[in-house]
Amino acid sequence: MSSDRFRAVALSCLLTMGVLAPAAPALADDLPEEPAATNLQPADPSVLDELVPAEVPVDSPVAGDPAPVEGDPAPVEGDPAPVAGDPAPVDAGPAPAAAPTLAGRLAAVTRSKTMNYYPSGAGWTAMWTRFDAAQIDTDLARISALGADSVRIVVFPRVFGFPAPKPEYLDRLDDFVDIAARNNLAVKLTLFDWWSSYKLVGGSVEWTQAVIGPYLDDPRVIAVEVKNEMSPYDLPAVRWARRVIPAIRDFAPTMPLTVSVDGHAGPDGLAELRDAFGDVPLDYHDYHFYGQSEQALPDILQARDSVAPEPMVIGETGLSTGVGSPGEQAAYLARVFRAAAVAGIRSVSPWTLTDFAQGAIPAGSMVSVTPSQYQFGLYRLDGTAKPAAAVVRNAWTATESYEDVLDLSFEQDHRDSPWRDNLPAAGAAEQTDEVAHDGTYSVRFSGTGRDPRGLPSLRISPVTPVRGGQTWSASAWARGENATGTTEIALSWFDERGRWIRQDTSARLKRGTTGWTKLTVNAVAPDHAAGLQLHLKSGDNAGSVWFDDVSLS
């Protein structure tokens, strides 16, 4: 046990026995009763070992040392002779690491490659009650291999013990930080999740000091998020945070402090939360993005500008494969990473490493009864990678190949496809190896009708963010067999709120039986465009039509 950990455990024990008053600023827990908060659950989700003095090699003989052996080199002429009574020269060993600064930690946070983490079999509070060091080590090695440099974890007062944390849980946190360091990962700590005891200001500060105190000068811990996903409309939580954060800053002046905004609140919620904090500034802002990835850029820009000049990170983002295909998840993350880069946001943190097993999320929580929460992982429960894992690795290792995730030649397993059927009740596309323009597969529409809203289609959105005035081109190879009705490709434009603006279409494929024909559409994005969909359409078609080898740029 490190000396810092020993002191933390001792402090915890003394606090428990009432022997020692905490060193944190005294804050009375006498706030008036507040109504229970209504936003208590997460929205969407949502090695530098301690330096020990080395054994000291002694360069000068001392009493009891063996006598010089014949053949040992003689002293070199000109070397100073030892003076009686002088101490033997000592090798001081490596210099201790410099204590971290607020500026240094903040720089690390704003460019961090952070993975949000719980083990697949023990999410949320269960990570600590069923602490499995071996599994954590395996998982953190996988996170490091993706190119990450840090990992975010949540520490729960209800599990650790409040206001005096239990020594065994402090030890588990210390073990986690050690495991992370061995895997070349720094740690971001999130506190006070699943917490609503906002009257207990003094106890909250005491608990925080006991938990993070050992890491104040430890470069392995780079930031503290005081509260996860706070709603700007949860006034008791805001009042609590406005008192707690300055008190934490008093004893942790070099630790960056933040709170994250409710994942459903959007850019307006982030701005309102900042305003609610008033004269209690945060060191950086943590934005959780779970909106439409096609309109990610205007969303992120608005969020960034609402808190400027203070820095912002995207602390959580992702798409559950319970509501979208693995290919859609990969495309979602690719769009968010690309939009963040365009907006100058350097830190994007996926939620989360692995899917969760049944029983992994503690019962009684909202997330435990939400099926989509179990499938946000980059990896499946059997350990196999979803396509999104490659997207994250490419983003973090500067080997971008985002456009590959769009599967424009339909060669990927159809179960992993990022393409979506549009108006499928009137006809849906199927992957087939009957014919192909190039490669093995194409997609086929047969026996389609129409919907009052339009023709059935297969659609995809680009990874590159869309802005008004850009010139876009799309093409696809198509062929028909006894085709009837309308077969074409179209670019559909949307504004930043996802409202349809207009569409531009190609020439139509000739009816009947045709060879492979290239359909092309070129258009300039409308002034207020923020999203784009390419549609491969075939409606009122009693025959069959195949599409292959699409381009979108």
Protein backbone atom coordinates (compact mmCIF):
# COMPACT_ATOMS: atom_id res chain seq x y z
CA MET A 1 0.00 0.00 0.00
CA SER A 2 1.41 3.39 -0.96
CA SER A 3 1.99 6.05 1.68
CA ASP A 4 -0.72 8.22 0.14
CA ARG A 5 -3.14 5.31 0.21
CA PHE A 6 -2.19 4.56 3.84
CA ARG A 7 -2.95 8.14 4.79
CA ALA A 8 -6.27 8.03 2.92
CA VAL A 9 -7.31 4.81 4.67
CA ALA A 10 -6.28 6.17 8.03
CA LEU A 11 -8.25 9.35 7.39
CA SER A 12 -11.29 7.28 6.40
CA CYS A 13 -11.10 5.20 9.57
CA LEU A 14 -10.69 8.25 11.79
CA LEU A 15 -13.59 9.97 10.08
CA THR A 16 -15.71 6.88 10.65
CA MET A 17 -14.87 6.83 14.38
CA GLY A 18 -15.40 10.56 14.72
CA VAL A 19 -11.86 11.00 16.03
CA LEU A 20 -10.61 13.42 13.41
CA ALA A 21 -12.34 16.39 11.84
CA PRO A 22 -11.86 16.49 8.07
CA ALA A 23 -9.31 18.83 6.60
CA ALA A 24 -11.74 19.98 3.93
CA PRO A 25 -13.43 23.36 4.37
CA ALA A 26 -16.22 23.12 6.89
CA LEU A 27 -19.57 23.25 5.12
CA ALA A 28 -22.75 22.80 7.11
CA ASP A 29 -25.17 20.12 5.93
CA ASP A 30 -28.12 22.28 6.94
CA LEU A 31 -29.62 23.22 3.60
CA PRO A 32 -33.42 23.40 3.58
CA GLU A 33 -35.28 20.38 2.32
CA GLU A 34 -35.42 20.22 -1.48
CA PRO A 35 -37.88 18.25 -3.58
CA ALA A 36 -36.46 14.99 -4.84
CA ALA A 37 -34.67 15.40 -8.16
CA THR A 38 -36.45 13.88 -11.11
CA ASN A 39 -33.36 13.26 -13.24
CA LEU A 40 -31.47 10.69 -11.22
CA GLN A 41 -30.46 8.18 -13.85
CA PRO A 42 -27.99 8.48 -16.72
CA ALA A 43 -29.54 9.53 -20.03
CA ASP A 44 -27.85 7.72 -22.88
CA PRO A 45 -25.84 6.29 -22.38
CA SER A 46 -23.78 7.30 -20.00
CA VAL A 47 2.76 2.67 -15.82
CA LEU A 48 3.98 5.11 -13.67
CA ASP A 49 4.32 3.18 -10.43
CA GLU A 50 4.77 5.31 -7.37
CA LEU A 51 8.39 6.37 -7.27
CA VAL A 52 10.26 4.39 -4.65
CA PRO A 53 13.88 5.23 -3.90
CA ALA A 54 16.08 2.75 -5.65
CA GLU A 55 18.68 0.70 -3.78
CA VAL A 56 21.63 3.02 -3.44
CA PRO A 57 24.83 1.85 -5.10
CA VAL A 58 27.84 2.93 -3.04
CA ASP A 59 30.90 3.94 -4.99
CA SER A 60 33.45 4.15 -2.19
CA PRO A 61 34.66 1.30 -0.04
CA VAL A 62 33.33 1.21 3.50
CA ALA A 63 34.27 -0.84 6.50
CA GLY A 64 33.48 -4.47 5.93
CA ASP A 65 33.79 -4.29 2.13
CA PRO A 66 36.11 -6.89 0.65
CA ALA A 67 39.68 -5.76 0.09
CA PRO A 68 40.67 -4.80 -3.44
CA VAL A 69 41.52 -7.79 -5.56
CA GLU A 70 44.81 -7.96 -7.38
CA GLY A 71 44.23 -6.83 -10.93
CA ASP A 72 41.56 -4.28 -10.03
CA PRO A 73 42.27 -1.01 -11.83
CA ALA A 74 44.40 1.45 -9.90
CA PRO A 75 43.10 4.93 -9.16
CA VAL A 76 43.57 7.29 -12.09
CA GLU A 77 46.10 10.05 -11.61
CA GLY A 78 44.34 13.31 -11.07
CA ASP A 79 41.26 11.83 -9.43
CA PRO A 80 40.68 13.50 -6.08
CA ALA A 81 41.69 11.40 -3.14
CA PRO A 82 38.94 10.49 -0.70
CA VAL A 83 38.92 12.71 2.37
CA ALA A 84 38.52 11.06 5.72
CA GLY A 85 35.06 11.59 7.08
CA ASP A 86 33.47 12.55 3.74
CA PRO A 87 30.29 10.62 2.95
CA ALA A 88 30.51 8.07 0.20
CA PRO A 89 29.16 9.39 -3.13
CA VAL A 90 25.65 8.13 -3.81
CA ASP A 91 23.83 7.63 -7.11
CA ALA A 92 20.65 9.64 -6.65
CA GLY A 93 18.70 7.55 -9.15
CA PRO A 94 16.04 8.97 -11.49
CA ALA A 95 14.60 12.36 -10.64
CA PRO A 96 11.03 12.22 -9.29
CA ALA A 97 8.27 13.16 -11.70
CA ALA A 98 7.25 16.79 -11.47
CA ALA A 99 3.93 17.40 -9.75
CA PRO A 100 1.15 17.95 -12.30
CA THR A 101 -0.17 21.45 -12.94
CA LEU A 102 -3.68 22.54 -13.76
CA ALA A 103 -2.57 23.73 -17.19
CA GLY A 104 -0.76 20.47 -17.93
CA ARG A 105 -3.67 18.32 -16.88
CA LEU A 106 -6.15 20.46 -18.77
CA ALA A 107 -4.05 20.18 -21.93
CA ALA A 108 -4.09 16.39 -21.53
CA VAL A 109 -7.87 16.36 -21.03
CA THR A 110 -8.69 18.46 -24.09
CA ARG A 111 -6.68 16.21 -26.41
CA SER A 112 -7.37 12.92 -24.61
CA LYS A 113 -8.38 9.71 -26.36
CA THR A 114 -10.65 8.41 -23.65
CA MET A 115 -12.76 5.27 -23.49
CA ASN A 116 -15.76 5.14 -21.17
CA TYR A 117 -15.55 1.89 -19.26
CA TYR A 118 -17.38 -0.69 -17.23
CA PRO A 119 -16.66 -4.44 -17.48
CA SER A 120 -19.17 -6.32 -19.63
CA GLY A 121 -20.31 -8.44 -16.69
CA ALA A 122 -20.34 -5.74 -14.02
CA GLY A 123 -21.67 -2.35 -15.04
CA TRP A 124 -22.18 0.77 -12.97
CA THR A 125 -22.00 0.06 -9.21
CA ALA A 126 -21.37 -3.65 -9.86
CA MET A 127 -17.90 -2.80 -11.19
CA TRP A 128 -16.89 -2.08 -7.60
CA THR A 129 -18.97 -4.65 -5.71
CA ARG A 130 -17.81 -7.42 -8.08
CA PHE A 131 -14.34 -6.00 -8.67
CA ASP A 132 -12.35 -8.29 -11.00
CA ALA A 133 -8.79 -7.06 -11.42
CA ALA A 134 -7.88 -9.70 -14.01
CA GLN A 135 -10.84 -8.84 -16.25
CA ILE A 136 -10.14 -5.13 -15.89
CA ASP A 137 -6.52 -5.69 -16.90
CA THR A 138 -7.63 -7.60 -20.01
CA ASP A 139 -10.14 -4.89 -20.94
CA LEU A 140 -7.72 -2.01 -20.39
CA ALA A 141 -5.13 -3.75 -22.57
CA ARG A 142 -7.76 -3.84 -25.33
CA ILE A 143 -8.56 -0.16 -24.79
CA SER A 144 -4.88 0.72 -25.02
CA ALA A 145 -4.54 -1.32 -28.23
CA LEU A 146 -7.27 0.84 -29.80
CA GLY A 147 -4.95 3.83 -29.39
CA ALA A 148 -6.55 5.28 -26.26
CA ASP A 149 -4.47 7.18 -23.72
CA SER A 150 -7.04 7.36 -20.92
CA VAL A 151 -10.11 5.74 -19.43
CA ARG A 152 -13.13 7.22 -17.65
CA ILE A 153 -14.66 5.45 -14.67
CA VAL A 154 -17.44 6.33 -12.22
CA VAL A 155 -17.08 6.22 -8.43
CA PHE A 156 -20.37 5.88 -6.54
CA PRO A 157 -20.84 7.24 -3.00
CA ARG A 158 -23.60 4.70 -2.33
CA VAL A 159 -21.11 1.86 -2.86
CA PHE A 160 -17.87 3.35 -1.55
CA GLY A 161 -19.51 4.53 1.66
CA PHE A 162 -20.50 8.07 2.57
CA PRO A 163 -19.24 10.39 3.95
CA ALA A 164 -16.27 8.20 4.91
CA PRO A 165 -15.30 5.82 2.09
CA LYS A 166 -14.62 2.23 3.09
CA PRO A 167 -10.92 1.34 2.98
CA GLU A 168 -11.50 -1.74 0.82
CA TYR A 169 -13.16 0.38 -1.88
CA LEU A 170 -10.40 2.97 -1.79
CA ASP A 171 -8.00 0.06 -2.30
CA ARG A 172 -9.99 -1.10 -5.33
CA LEU A 173 -9.80 2.37 -6.82
CA ASP A 174 -6.05 2.41 -6.18
CA ASP A 175 -5.76 -1.00 -7.85
CA PHE A 176 -7.67 0.31 -10.87
CA VAL A 177 -5.37 3.31 -11.25
CA ASP A 178 -2.36 0.98 -11.03
CA ILE A 179 -3.81 -1.37 -13.67
CA ALA A 180 -4.57 1.55 -15.96
CA ALA A 181 -1.03 2.88 -15.60
CA ARG A 182 0.43 -0.53 -16.47
CA ASN A 183 -1.59 -0.32 -19.68
CA ASN A 184 -0.35 3.23 -20.39
CA LEU A 185 -3.72 4.80 -19.60
CA ALA A 186 -4.43 7.84 -17.47
CA VAL A 187 -7.71 7.98 -15.52
CA LYS A 188 -10.63 10.41 -15.48
CA LEU A 189 -12.79 10.08 -12.38
CA THR A 190 -16.52 10.76 -12.37
CA LEU A 191 -18.15 11.19 -8.94
CA PHE A 192 -21.69 11.43 -7.58
CA ASP A 193 -23.56 9.45 -10.21
CA TRP A 194 -26.87 7.98 -9.00
CA TRP A 195 -26.83 10.62 -6.28
CA SER A 196 -29.51 13.01 -5.06
CA SER A 197 -28.59 13.85 -1.44
CA TYR A 198 -27.98 17.47 -2.33
CA LYS A 199 -28.42 18.75 1.23
CA LEU A 200 -25.19 17.02 2.25
CA VAL A 201 -22.71 19.60 1.01
CA GLY A 202 -20.13 19.19 3.77
CA GLY A 203 -20.25 15.42 3.57
CA SER A 204 -19.88 15.59 -0.20
CA VAL A 205 -16.68 17.61 0.13
CA GLU A 206 -15.30 15.31 2.83
CA TRP A 207 -16.04 12.24 0.72
CA THR A 208 -14.46 13.79 -2.36
CA GLN A 209 -11.30 14.68 -0.45
CA ALA A 210 -10.97 11.15 0.87
CA VAL A 211 -11.44 9.68 -2.63
CA ILE A 212 -9.28 11.97 -4.75
CA GLY A 213 -6.85 13.22 -2.11
CA PRO A 214 -4.22 10.53 -2.83
CA TYR A 215 -4.18 11.55 -6.53
CA LEU A 216 -3.87 15.32 -6.26
CA ASP A 217 -0.18 15.18 -7.20
CA ASP A 218 -0.43 11.94 -9.16
CA PRO A 219 -0.14 12.50 -12.93
CA ARG A 220 -1.98 9.23 -13.56
CA VAL A 221 -5.30 10.95 -12.72
CA ILE A 222 -5.99 13.86 -15.06
CA ALA A 223 -9.50 15.14 -14.28
CA VAL A 224 -12.52 14.90 -12.00
CA GLU A 225 -16.09 15.15 -13.24
CA VAL A 226 -17.97 16.09 -10.09
CA LYS A 227 -21.40 15.04 -11.34
CA ASN A 228 -22.50 12.95 -14.32
CA GLU A 229 -25.19 14.24 -16.68
CA MET A 230 -26.62 17.10 -14.65
CA SER A 231 -29.79 18.72 -15.89
CA PRO A 232 -29.71 22.52 -15.88
CA TYR A 233 -33.30 22.36 -14.62
CA ASP A 234 -32.42 20.26 -11.54
CA LEU A 235 -32.11 23.27 -9.23
CA PRO A 236 -31.15 21.35 -6.05
CA ALA A 237 -28.31 19.70 -7.97
CA VAL A 238 -27.13 23.03 -9.37
CA ARG A 239 -27.16 24.69 -5.92
CA TRP A 240 -25.23 21.73 -4.48
CA ALA A 241 -22.62 21.85 -7.24
CA ARG A 242 -22.19 25.61 -6.88
CA ARG A 243 -21.10 25.04 -3.26
CA VAL A 244 -19.20 21.80 -3.67
CA ILE A 245 -16.99 22.75 -6.62
CA PRO A 246 -15.30 25.80 -4.99
CA ALA A 247 -14.65 23.74 -1.85
CA ILE A 248 -13.03 20.96 -3.89
CA ARG A 249 -10.98 23.53 -5.77
CA ASP A 250 -9.62 24.78 -2.43
CA PHE A 251 -7.86 21.48 -1.70
CA ALA A 252 -7.38 20.34 -5.33
CA PRO A 253 -6.19 23.46 -7.19
CA THR A 254 -4.34 21.52 -9.89
CA MET A 255 -7.17 19.08 -10.72
CA PRO A 256 -9.45 20.08 -13.64
CA LEU A 257 -13.08 20.00 -12.51
CA THR A 258 -16.22 19.74 -14.62
CA VAL A 259 -19.77 18.38 -14.72
CA SER A 260 -21.36 16.83 -17.79
CA VAL A 261 -24.70 17.91 -19.17
CA ASP A 262 -27.72 15.63 -19.46
CA GLY A 263 -27.30 13.66 -22.68
CA HIS A 264 -30.73 14.75 -23.95
CA ALA A 265 -30.26 18.46 -23.20
CA GLY A 266 -28.33 19.34 -26.36
CA PRO A 267 -26.36 22.55 -26.96
CA ASP A 268 -29.07 24.68 -25.35
CA GLY A 269 -28.85 22.60 -22.19
CA LEU A 270 -25.08 23.00 -22.07
CA ALA A 271 -25.42 26.78 -22.36
CA GLU A 272 -28.13 26.87 -19.70
CA LEU A 273 -26.03 24.77 -17.34
CA ARG A 274 -23.10 27.13 -17.76
CA ASP A 275 -25.37 30.10 -17.04
CA ALA A 276 -26.80 28.34 -13.98
CA PHE A 277 -23.30 27.98 -12.54
CA GLY A 278 -22.85 31.75 -12.80
CA ASP A 279 -19.68 32.85 -11.02
CA VAL A 280 -18.59 29.25 -10.34
CA PRO A 281 -16.59 28.44 -13.47
CA LEU A 282 -15.74 24.96 -14.69
CA ASP A 283 -12.25 24.22 -15.97
CA TYR A 284 -13.71 22.61 -19.09
CA HIS A 285 -17.12 21.52 -20.36
CA ASP A 286 -18.15 17.92 -20.94
CA TYR A 287 -20.77 17.49 -23.65
CA HIS A 288 -22.54 14.17 -24.22
CA PHE A 289 -23.69 13.78 -27.81
CA TYR A 290 -26.38 11.27 -28.75
CA GLY A 291 -28.14 13.29 -31.45
CA GLN A 292 -28.45 12.64 -35.17
CA SER A 293 -24.96 12.02 -36.50
CA GLU A 294 -25.88 13.44 -39.92
CA GLN A 295 -26.37 16.84 -38.23
CA ALA A 296 -23.51 16.44 -35.75
CA LEU A 297 -21.47 19.42 -36.98
CA PRO A 298 -23.98 22.24 -36.32
CA ASP A 299 -24.84 20.64 -32.97
CA ILE A 300 -21.20 20.46 -31.87
CA LEU A 301 -20.43 23.95 -33.17
CA GLN A 302 -23.35 25.41 -31.23
CA ALA A 303 -22.28 23.59 -28.07
CA ARG A 304 -18.67 24.72 -28.49
CA ASP A 305 -19.62 28.34 -29.08
CA SER A 306 -22.02 28.40 -26.13
CA VAL A 307 -19.18 27.84 -23.65
CA ALA A 308 -16.30 29.56 -25.47
CA PRO A 309 -13.59 30.52 -24.64
CA GLU A 310 -13.59 27.66 -22.12
CA PRO A 311 -12.62 24.32 -23.68
CA MET A 312 -15.08 21.53 -24.43
CA VAL A 313 -14.76 17.80 -24.90
CA ILE A 314 -17.29 15.22 -26.09
CA GLY A 315 -17.31 12.99 -23.03
CA GLU A 316 -19.78 10.40 -24.35
CA THR A 317 -21.16 9.46 -27.75
CA GLY A 318 -22.33 6.33 -29.48
CA LEU A 319 -25.16 4.33 -30.99
CA SER A 320 -26.61 1.10 -29.64
CA THR A 321 -26.69 -1.85 -31.99
CA GLY A 322 -29.97 -2.63 -30.29
CA VAL A 323 -31.54 0.18 -32.34
CA GLY A 324 -29.22 0.23 -35.36
CA SER A 325 -27.02 -2.23 -37.22
CA PRO A 326 -23.30 -2.58 -36.41
CA GLY A 327 -22.63 -0.77 -39.68
CA GLU A 328 -24.87 2.11 -38.65
CA GLN A 329 -23.03 2.31 -35.33
CA ALA A 330 -19.70 2.52 -37.15
CA ALA A 331 -20.96 5.22 -39.51
CA TYR A 332 -22.43 7.14 -36.56
CA LEU A 333 -19.11 7.27 -34.74
CA ALA A 334 -17.22 8.10 -37.94
CA ARG A 335 -19.49 11.11 -38.51
CA VAL A 336 -19.10 12.32 -34.92
CA PHE A 337 -15.31 12.02 -34.99
CA ARG A 338 -15.18 13.85 -38.33
CA ALA A 339 -17.56 16.61 -37.23
CA ALA A 340 -15.65 17.11 -33.98
CA ALA A 341 -12.40 17.46 -35.92
CA VAL A 342 -13.96 20.09 -38.20
CA ALA A 343 -15.17 21.96 -35.08
CA GLY A 344 -11.71 21.80 -33.50
CA ILE A 345 -12.78 19.44 -30.70
CA ARG A 346 -9.87 17.09 -30.16
CA SER A 347 -11.31 14.75 -27.53
CA VAL A 348 -14.20 12.37 -28.40
CA SER A 349 -14.97 9.52 -25.99
CA PRO A 350 -17.03 6.54 -27.21
CA TRP A 351 -19.61 4.91 -24.99
CA THR A 352 -18.60 2.11 -24.36
CA LEU A 353 -16.00 -0.68 -24.73
CA THR A 354 -18.18 -3.81 -24.63
CA ASP A 355 -21.81 -4.82 -24.64
CA PHE A 356 -23.26 -5.72 -21.24
CA ALA A 357 -24.42 -9.18 -20.25
CA GLN A 358 -27.85 -9.71 -18.75
CA GLY A 359 -27.56 -9.04 -15.03
CA ALA A 360 -24.51 -6.81 -15.49
CA ILE A 361 -26.48 -3.61 -14.85
CA PRO A 362 -27.77 -3.42 -11.27
CA ALA A 363 -31.49 -4.00 -10.90
CA GLY A 364 -33.69 -1.11 -9.91
CA SER A 365 -32.01 1.36 -12.24
CA MET A 366 -33.62 2.84 -15.33
CA VAL A 367 -30.75 1.67 -17.52
CA SER A 368 -31.20 -1.94 -16.38
CA VAL A 369 -34.66 -2.13 -17.99
CA THR A 370 -33.70 -0.30 -21.20
CA PRO A 371 -32.71 -2.97 -23.76
CA SER A 372 -30.65 -0.62 -25.93
CA GLN A 373 -28.32 0.15 -23.00
CA TYR A 374 -26.87 -3.36 -23.24
CA GLN A 375 -25.54 -2.98 -26.80
CA PHE A 376 -23.51 0.23 -27.04
CA GLY A 377 -20.20 -1.67 -27.00
CA LEU A 378 -17.51 -1.60 -29.66
CA TYR A 379 -17.12 -5.33 -28.89
CA ARG A 380 -19.72 -8.05 -28.53
CA LEU A 381 -20.01 -10.26 -25.46
CA ASP A 382 -18.07 -13.01 -27.23
CA GLY A 383 -15.14 -10.61 -27.65
CA THR A 384 -15.47 -10.10 -31.40
CA ALA A 385 -15.13 -6.55 -32.69
CA LYS A 386 -17.98 -4.66 -34.29
CA PRO A 387 -17.07 -2.43 -37.26
CA ALA A 388 -17.11 0.57 -34.93
CA ALA A 389 -13.95 -0.67 -33.18
CA ALA A 390 -11.97 -0.10 -36.39
CA VAL A 391 -13.46 3.39 -36.73
CA VAL A 392 -12.29 4.33 -33.23
CA ARG A 393 -8.86 2.82 -33.78
CA ASN A 394 -8.49 4.72 -37.04
CA ALA A 395 -9.56 7.98 -35.40
CA TRP A 396 -7.14 7.57 -32.51
CA THR A 397 -4.17 6.38 -34.53
CA ALA A 398 -4.52 8.96 -37.32
CA THR A 399 -5.12 6.30 -39.98
CA GLU A 400 -8.55 7.52 -41.07
CA SER A 401 -10.45 5.43 -43.57
CA TYR A 402 -13.92 6.55 -42.57
CA GLU A 403 -15.49 6.29 -45.99
CA ASP A 404 -14.93 2.52 -45.95
CA VAL A 405 -17.67 2.19 -43.34
CA LEU A 406 -20.35 3.23 -45.87
CA ASP A 407 -20.02 -0.06 -47.81
CA LEU A 408 -20.65 1.62 -51.15
CA SER A 409 -20.07 -1.64 -53.06
CA PHE A 410 -22.32 -3.80 -50.83
CA GLU A 411 -19.56 -6.32 -50.16
CA GLN A 412 -19.94 -6.36 -46.35
CA ASP A 413 -22.15 -8.80 -44.50
CA HIS A 414 -25.66 -7.41 -44.90
CA ARG A 415 -26.19 -7.70 -41.13
CA ASP A 416 -23.45 -5.11 -40.64
CA SER A 417 -24.67 -2.77 -43.37
CA PRO A 418 -24.90 0.98 -42.63
CA TRP A 419 -27.58 1.35 -45.33
CA ARG A 420 -31.18 1.81 -44.18
CA ASP A 421 -34.40 0.86 -45.89
CA ASN A 422 -36.72 3.82 -46.46
CA LEU A 423 -40.48 3.11 -46.71
CA PRO A 424 -39.83 -0.66 -46.63
CA ALA A 425 -43.53 -1.52 -46.53
CA ALA A 426 -43.60 -0.55 -50.21
CA GLY A 427 -40.50 -2.58 -51.00
CA ALA A 428 -37.15 -3.39 -49.45
CA ALA A 429 -33.72 -3.99 -50.99
CA GLU A 430 -31.92 -7.29 -50.54
CA GLN A 431 -28.23 -8.06 -50.88
CA THR A 432 -27.66 -10.67 -53.59
CA ASP A 433 -24.86 -12.41 -55.45
CA GLU A 434 -27.03 -13.06 -58.55
CA VAL A 435 -25.31 -10.27 -60.48
CA ALA A 436 -22.77 -7.58 -59.65
CA HIS A 437 -21.25 -4.69 -61.53
CA ASP A 438 -17.97 -5.41 -59.75
CA GLY A 439 -17.09 -7.71 -56.91
CA THR A 440 -19.53 -10.34 -55.65
CA TYR A 441 -22.64 -8.58 -54.39
CA SER A 442 -25.22 -5.99 -55.36
CA VAL A 443 -28.63 -5.00 -53.96
CA ARG A 444 -31.96 -5.81 -55.64
CA PHE A 445 -35.47 -4.34 -55.56
CA SER A 446 -38.27 -6.58 -56.89
CA GLY A 447 -42.03 -6.18 -56.99
CA THR A 448 -42.13 -2.75 -55.36
CA GLY A 449 -45.03 -0.37 -54.90
CA ARG A 450 -45.15 3.13 -53.50
CA ASP A 451 -46.03 4.96 -50.30
CA PRO A 452 -48.02 8.22 -50.09
CA ARG A 453 -44.77 9.77 -48.89
CA GLY A 454 -42.72 8.58 -51.85
CA LEU A 455 -40.90 5.65 -53.46
CA PRO A 456 -39.20 2.89 -51.47
CA SER A 457 -35.45 3.29 -51.35
CA LEU A 458 -32.17 2.35 -49.73
CA ARG A 459 -30.41 5.33 -48.15
CA ILE A 460 -27.05 6.36 -46.73
CA SER A 461 -25.53 9.61 -45.42
CA PRO A 462 -21.93 10.72 -45.95
CA VAL A 463 -19.30 10.83 -43.22
CA THR A 464 -18.13 14.29 -44.28
CA PRO A 465 -20.26 17.06 -42.68
CA VAL A 466 -22.61 18.87 -45.04
CA ARG A 467 -22.66 22.68 -45.29
CA GLY A 468 -24.54 25.07 -47.52
CA GLY A 469 -22.83 25.92 -50.80
CA GLN A 470 -20.86 22.67 -51.10
CA THR A 471 -21.01 20.81 -54.41
CA TRP A 472 -21.94 17.15 -54.03
CA SER A 473 -21.88 14.34 -56.59
CA ALA A 474 -23.35 10.88 -56.42
CA SER A 475 -23.53 7.97 -58.82
CA ALA A 476 -24.63 4.36 -58.88
CA TRP A 477 -24.65 1.58 -61.45
CA ALA A 478 -28.11 0.13 -62.10
CA ARG A 479 -29.60 -2.53 -64.37
CA GLY A 480 -33.16 -3.75 -64.87
CA GLU A 481 -34.98 -6.93 -65.80
CA ASN A 482 -38.55 -6.37 -66.96
CA ALA A 483 -38.42 -3.20 -64.88
CA THR A 484 -41.45 -0.92 -64.66
CA GLY A 485 -42.18 2.24 -62.68
CA THR A 486 -39.46 4.65 -61.58
CA THR A 487 -35.81 3.84 -60.82
CA GLU A 488 -33.44 6.71 -60.00
CA ILE A 489 -31.02 8.03 -57.40
CA ALA A 490 -31.62 11.22 -55.41
CA LEU A 491 -29.86 13.59 -53.01
CA SER A 492 -32.19 14.72 -50.21
CA TRP A 493 -31.18 17.79 -48.19
CA PHE A 494 -32.02 18.53 -44.54
CA ASP A 495 -31.47 21.48 -42.21
CA GLU A 496 -29.77 21.34 -38.80
CA ARG A 497 -33.02 20.24 -37.14
CA GLY A 498 -33.47 17.37 -39.57
CA ARG A 499 -36.24 19.06 -41.58
CA TRP A 500 -36.38 18.17 -45.29
CA ILE A 501 -35.45 21.00 -47.66
CA ARG A 502 -35.52 19.50 -51.15
CA GLN A 503 -34.17 16.72 -53.34
CA ASP A 504 -32.16 16.55 -56.56
CA THR A 505 -32.57 13.48 -58.79
CA SER A 506 -30.70 11.70 -61.55
CA ALA A 507 -32.04 10.66 -64.92
CA ARG A 508 -34.24 7.57 -64.62
CA LEU A 509 -33.22 4.06 -65.62
CA LYS A 510 -34.97 2.94 -68.79
CA ARG A 511 -37.81 0.51 -68.27
CA GLY A 512 -37.59 -3.08 -69.42
CA THR A 513 -34.38 -5.10 -69.46
CA THR A 514 -31.14 -3.12 -69.56
CA GLY A 515 -27.45 -3.58 -69.03
CA TRP A 516 -25.49 -1.78 -66.32
CA THR A 517 -26.18 1.95 -66.59
CA LYS A 518 -24.53 4.71 -64.59
CA LEU A 519 -26.98 7.08 -62.90
CA THR A 520 -25.47 10.39 -61.77
CA VAL A 521 -26.65 13.43 -59.83
CA ASN A 522 -24.71 16.63 -59.10
CA ALA A 523 -26.02 19.43 -56.90
CA VAL A 524 -25.03 22.42 -54.77
CA ALA A 525 -26.15 22.14 -51.17
CA PRO A 526 -28.90 24.63 -50.22
CA ASP A 527 -27.81 27.54 -48.03
CA HIS A 528 -29.19 26.06 -44.80
CA ALA A 529 -28.30 22.44 -45.49
CA ALA A 530 -26.73 20.50 -42.62
CA GLY A 531 -27.60 16.93 -43.61
CA LEU A 532 -27.69 14.82 -46.76
CA GLN A 533 -29.11 11.43 -47.71
CA LEU A 534 -28.41 9.52 -50.90
CA HIS A 535 -31.42 7.38 -51.93
CA LEU A 536 -31.37 4.47 -54.36
CA LYS A 537 -35.03 4.38 -55.45
CA SER A 538 -37.17 1.89 -57.30
CA GLY A 539 -40.96 2.08 -57.02
CA ASP A 540 -44.00 0.79 -58.89
CA ASN A 541 -41.65 -1.87 -60.23
CA ALA A 542 -43.20 -5.20 -61.19
CA GLY A 543 -39.79 -6.49 -62.31
CA SER A 544 -36.33 -6.30 -60.73
CA VAL A 545 -33.62 -3.66 -60.48
CA TRP A 546 -30.08 -4.04 -59.14
CA PHE A 547 -27.77 -1.28 -57.79
CA ASP A 548 -24.00 -1.54 -57.26
CA ASP A 549 -20.76 0.47 -56.95
CA VAL A 550 -22.07 3.71 -55.49
CA SER A 551 -20.02 6.89 -55.12
CA LEU A 552 -20.79 9.88 -52.89
CA SER A 553 -18.49 12.86 -52.59
